[in-house]
N, C-alpha and C. Protein backbone atom coordinates (compact mmCIF):
# COMPACT_ATOMS: atom_id res chain seq x y z
N MET A 1 0.84 -1.47 0.31
CA MET A 1 -0.24 -0.02 0.05
C MET A 1 1.25 1.41 0.04
N LEU A 2 1.76 1.38 0.54
CA LEU A 2 2.79 2.43 0.65
C LEU A 2 3.54 2.37 -0.42
N LEU A 3 3.71 1.28 -1.06
CA LEU A 3 4.66 1.41 -2.20
C LEU A 3 3.51 2.27 -3.67
N PHE A 4 2.36 1.70 -3.68
CA PHE A 4 1.43 2.28 -4.09
C PHE A 4 1.22 4.04 -4.28
N TRP A 5 1.20 4.37 -2.53
CA TRP A 5 1.04 5.94 -2.44
C TRP A 5 2.22 6.62 -2.85
N GLY A 6 3.23 6.06 -2.43
CA GLY A 6 4.32 6.54 -3.09
C GLY A 6 4.89 6.97 -4.50
N SER A 7 4.79 5.74 -5.47
CA SER A 7 4.37 5.78 -6.70
C SER A 7 3.24 7.15 -7.56
N ALA A 8 2.00 6.70 -6.36
CA ALA A 8 0.81 7.96 -7.40
C ALA A 8 1.74 8.97 -7.08
N ILE A 9 2.18 9.39 -5.79
CA ILE A 9 2.65 10.75 -5.57
C ILE A 9 3.86 11.05 -6.59
N GLY A 10 4.82 10.34 -6.42
CA GLY A 10 5.56 10.57 -7.22
C GLY A 10 5.74 10.69 -8.70
N GLY A 11 4.75 10.26 -9.32
CA GLY A 11 4.22 10.67 -10.54
C GLY A 11 3.72 11.92 -10.76
N ILE A 12 2.62 12.39 -9.59
CA ILE A 12 2.16 13.42 -9.70
C ILE A 12 3.37 14.40 -9.53
N ALA A 13 4.07 14.25 -8.69
CA ALA A 13 5.69 15.22 -8.63
C ALA A 13 6.08 15.34 -10.22
N LEU A 14 6.58 14.25 -10.58
CA LEU A 14 7.38 14.32 -12.10
C LEU A 14 6.08 14.96 -12.82
N GLY A 15 5.08 14.85 -13.33
CA GLY A 15 4.31 15.25 -14.15
C GLY A 15 4.05 16.78 -14.18
N ILE A 16 4.09 17.30 -13.05
CA ILE A 16 4.00 18.60 -12.45
C ILE A 16 5.66 19.26 -12.83
N SER A 17 6.63 18.30 -12.60
CA SER A 17 7.79 19.14 -13.09
C SER A 17 8.08 19.13 -14.42
N TRP A 18 7.43 18.23 -14.98
CA TRP A 18 7.62 17.88 -16.52
C TRP A 18 6.77 19.38 -17.27
N ALA A 19 5.40 19.47 -16.52
CA ALA A 19 4.82 20.89 -17.28
C ALA A 19 5.77 21.70 -17.19
N ARG A 20 6.25 22.06 -15.93
CA ARG A 20 7.14 23.32 -15.81
C ARG A 20 8.05 23.33 -16.85
N MET A 21 8.84 22.21 -17.36
CA MET A 21 10.05 22.50 -18.00
C MET A 21 9.45 22.40 -19.27
N LYS A 22 8.75 21.74 -19.93
CA LYS A 22 8.02 21.79 -21.21
C LYS A 22 8.22 23.23 -22.11
N GLY A 23 9.02 23.54 -23.34
CA GLY A 23 9.22 24.39 -23.77
C GLY A 23 10.62 25.36 -23.62
N ARG A 24 10.99 24.78 -22.53
CA ARG A 24 12.43 24.83 -21.70
C ARG A 24 13.56 24.42 -22.77
N ASN A 25 14.82 24.57 -23.06
CA ASN A 25 15.94 23.70 -23.65
C ASN A 25 16.88 23.65 -22.38
N PRO A 26 16.98 22.05 -22.17
CA PRO A 26 17.55 22.03 -21.06
C PRO A 26 18.97 22.17 -21.48
N VAL A 27 19.65 22.17 -22.61
CA VAL A 27 20.97 22.40 -22.86
C VAL A 27 21.45 23.89 -22.68
N ASN A 28 22.57 23.82 -22.09
CA ASN A 28 23.14 25.55 -21.68
C ASN A 28 23.41 26.15 -23.13
N ARG A 29 23.30 27.36 -23.32
CA ARG A 29 23.88 28.11 -24.46
C ARG A 29 25.32 28.00 -24.88
N GLU A 30 26.30 27.51 -23.61
CA GLU A 30 27.47 27.82 -23.70
C GLU A 30 28.16 26.47 -24.96
N LEU A 31 27.30 25.13 -24.27
CA LEU A 31 27.36 23.71 -24.96
C LEU A 31 26.77 24.48 -26.67
N LEU A 32 25.72 24.72 -26.56
CA LEU A 32 25.37 24.74 -28.13
C LEU A 32 26.21 25.62 -28.97
N GLU A 33 27.06 26.60 -28.39
CA GLU A 33 27.66 27.70 -29.20
C GLU A 33 29.03 26.57 -29.65
N LYS A 34 29.54 26.07 -27.99
CA LYS A 34 30.89 24.78 -28.85
C LYS A 34 30.38 24.00 -29.88
N SER A 35 28.98 23.28 -29.95
CA SER A 35 28.64 22.60 -31.06
C SER A 35 29.15 23.34 -32.42
N LEU A 36 28.20 24.32 -32.13
CA LEU A 36 27.83 25.14 -33.45
C LEU A 36 29.62 25.41 -34.09
N LYS A 37 30.80 25.99 -33.03
CA LYS A 37 31.88 26.05 -33.72
C LYS A 37 32.31 25.11 -34.23
N ARG A 38 32.47 23.53 -33.52
CA ARG A 38 33.21 22.31 -33.77
C ARG A 38 32.53 22.28 -35.27
N ARG A 39 31.29 22.35 -35.74
CA ARG A 39 31.00 22.04 -36.89
C ARG A 39 31.24 22.72 -38.04
N LEU A 40 31.24 24.33 -37.52
CA LEU A 40 31.63 25.24 -38.72
C LEU A 40 33.33 24.79 -38.78
N ALA A 41 33.83 24.44 -38.09
CA ALA A 41 35.57 24.15 -37.99
C ALA A 41 35.65 23.33 -38.89
N ALA A 42 34.63 21.89 -38.79
CA ALA A 42 34.77 20.53 -39.10
C ALA A 42 34.49 21.05 -40.79
N GLY A 43 33.32 21.72 -41.25
CA GLY A 43 32.99 22.34 -42.49
C GLY A 43 31.71 21.83 -42.46
N GLU A 44 31.04 21.14 -41.57
CA GLU A 44 29.42 20.70 -41.50
C GLU A 44 28.73 21.81 -41.88
N ILE A 45 28.58 22.94 -41.28
CA ILE A 45 27.68 24.04 -41.82
C ILE A 45 28.85 24.86 -42.53
N THR A 46 27.91 26.38 -42.89
CA THR A 46 28.68 27.35 -43.67
C THR A 46 28.86 28.35 -42.62
N ARG A 47 29.07 29.31 -42.75
CA ARG A 47 29.43 30.40 -41.85
C ARG A 47 28.21 31.06 -41.96
N GLU A 48 27.30 31.14 -43.06
CA GLU A 48 26.05 32.42 -42.97
C GLU A 48 24.93 31.50 -41.90
N LEU A 49 25.00 29.87 -41.87
CA LEU A 49 23.91 29.00 -41.14
C LEU A 49 24.81 29.15 -39.58
N TYR A 50 26.26 29.43 -39.51
CA TYR A 50 26.33 29.46 -38.31
C TYR A 50 25.85 30.38 -37.74
N ASN A 51 26.18 31.70 -38.46
CA ASN A 51 26.05 33.00 -37.91
C ASN A 51 24.23 33.57 -37.51
N ARG A 52 23.82 32.68 -38.33
CA ARG A 52 21.88 32.76 -38.60
C ARG A 52 21.66 31.87 -36.68
N LYS A 53 22.19 30.47 -36.94
CA LYS A 53 22.21 29.99 -35.44
C LYS A 53 22.64 30.63 -34.36
N LEU A 54 23.78 31.14 -34.61
CA LEU A 54 23.84 32.21 -33.36
C LEU A 54 23.17 33.20 -32.64
N ALA A 55 22.73 33.72 -33.62
CA ALA A 55 22.23 34.80 -33.67
C ALA A 55 20.93 34.05 -33.09
N GLU A 56 20.21 33.26 -33.62
CA GLU A 56 18.66 32.63 -32.88
C GLU A 56 19.57 32.29 -31.20
N LEU A 57 20.16 31.71 -31.06
CA LEU A 57 20.67 31.84 -29.69
C LEU A 57 20.93 32.68 -28.40
N GLN A 58 21.40 33.62 -29.09
CA GLN A 58 21.37 34.76 -28.32
C GLN A 58 20.15 35.55 -27.83
N LYS A 59 19.29 35.38 -28.84
CA LYS A 59 17.45 36.09 -28.48
C LYS A 59 17.09 35.62 -27.15
N PRO A 60 16.66 36.59 -26.33
CA PRO A 60 16.05 36.18 -25.02
C PRO A 60 15.24 35.46 -24.91
N ASP A 61 14.94 34.44 -24.28
CA ASP A 61 13.78 33.27 -24.17
C ASP A 61 12.66 33.85 -24.38
N LYS A 62 11.43 33.21 -24.44
CA LYS A 62 10.13 33.70 -24.98
C LYS A 62 9.70 33.60 -23.15
N PRO A 63 9.27 34.71 -22.52
CA PRO A 63 8.27 34.40 -22.05
C PRO A 63 6.69 33.71 -21.80
N GLN A 64 6.80 32.90 -20.56
CA GLN A 64 5.50 31.66 -20.98
C GLN A 64 4.66 31.99 -20.05
């Protein structure tokens, strides 16, 4: 019985946590910028695409 209620309450808490995180990017911007720089250096993306993606990353987050 205790296991049932523990998992039920845990599931509700997990659902609330997931709903709050929905729409947010869990990866930090520094990591994304490093990835873009690596892809540019490797020739996977063009300078134009790099600049466009970098500009998108630097936009402020949308309020919810």
